[in-house]
């Protein structure tokens, strides 16, 4: 029996169209496999194809890359901090503070710390409003000028703020200039550390605004933060402070010494946003060095699960 070869032209039009489409698809599939160069699933069944960008598992975008870079940077910083903690004899490695907020919190005067007509005056507070487990370390006066303190804080990368009185700072402005160059903000603690409520408004002006002038002259920047000596003030204090550029009056919730802590609050504990006070003092004043004091206060802060943040990032 003789086979009869059917002429292509004799096929129905519908069949010819379907065959043409099928052939085109086969050619396209083959071309795709060649272009893939063996990378795709068709070329290598044992290897999964890379997902498309924007889909689950896609390659990291700029935000993810930035987050990864920051995580790597923090890892290196914490390793350096661990080495410094060992060098300086800290009981534990200090915790790293979170990134500061994009917008600073609104600061108001603590209840019970108000003065008459003080609504428009610089707020007086002991704690910064935040939910983060952070505290702020501040140092007053400037009598002790221990170079070991500068090295220790720089290597540990622990931020702190200095509230200076000129009668002791003037012995060595260079020490505090070095401190400022290391990133420490220098703020106002009056010229002579006098009890301000016992002075007239004009005498207070000389103490507060005079220190503003000194800090601007020797350190190039007029402070916006002011702490009254002993934490004592009245309405004249705040009005005078505002008149010469002060924006806020941070006091403290706890005070650190080389061998103990003192507390303002009844529960004798730290709270998110608490301000911790200490002083530039040495062995002649409190039986320990500045570095001893840092070891003690950092043990307390770290044991309680807190990190030290930079006050000026929040106020």
Foldseek 3Di string as FASTA:
>chain_A
DDDDDDDPVVDDPVVVVVVVVVVVVVVVVVVVLVVCVLQDCVSPVVHHHADDPPDPNHDDDPVVVVVVVVVVVVVVLQVLLQVLCVVLVFPDRFDDFDDFDPDFDDDAADPPRDAVPCPVFAHEDFFGDDQAQAEAEEAEAQQALDPVVLVSCLSNVFAHEYAYAQVRCVVDVPSVLVVVVSPYHYHHAFHHQDQPVVDDLVVLLCGGLVRQVVCCVSNVDRHQEYEYRVNHDHPSNRVSNVVNRHRHYHDFQKEWDLPDIGGDDPVPADDHGGYYYYYNDACVVGNHHPSSRVSVVSNRSVVVPYHYDHPVSRD
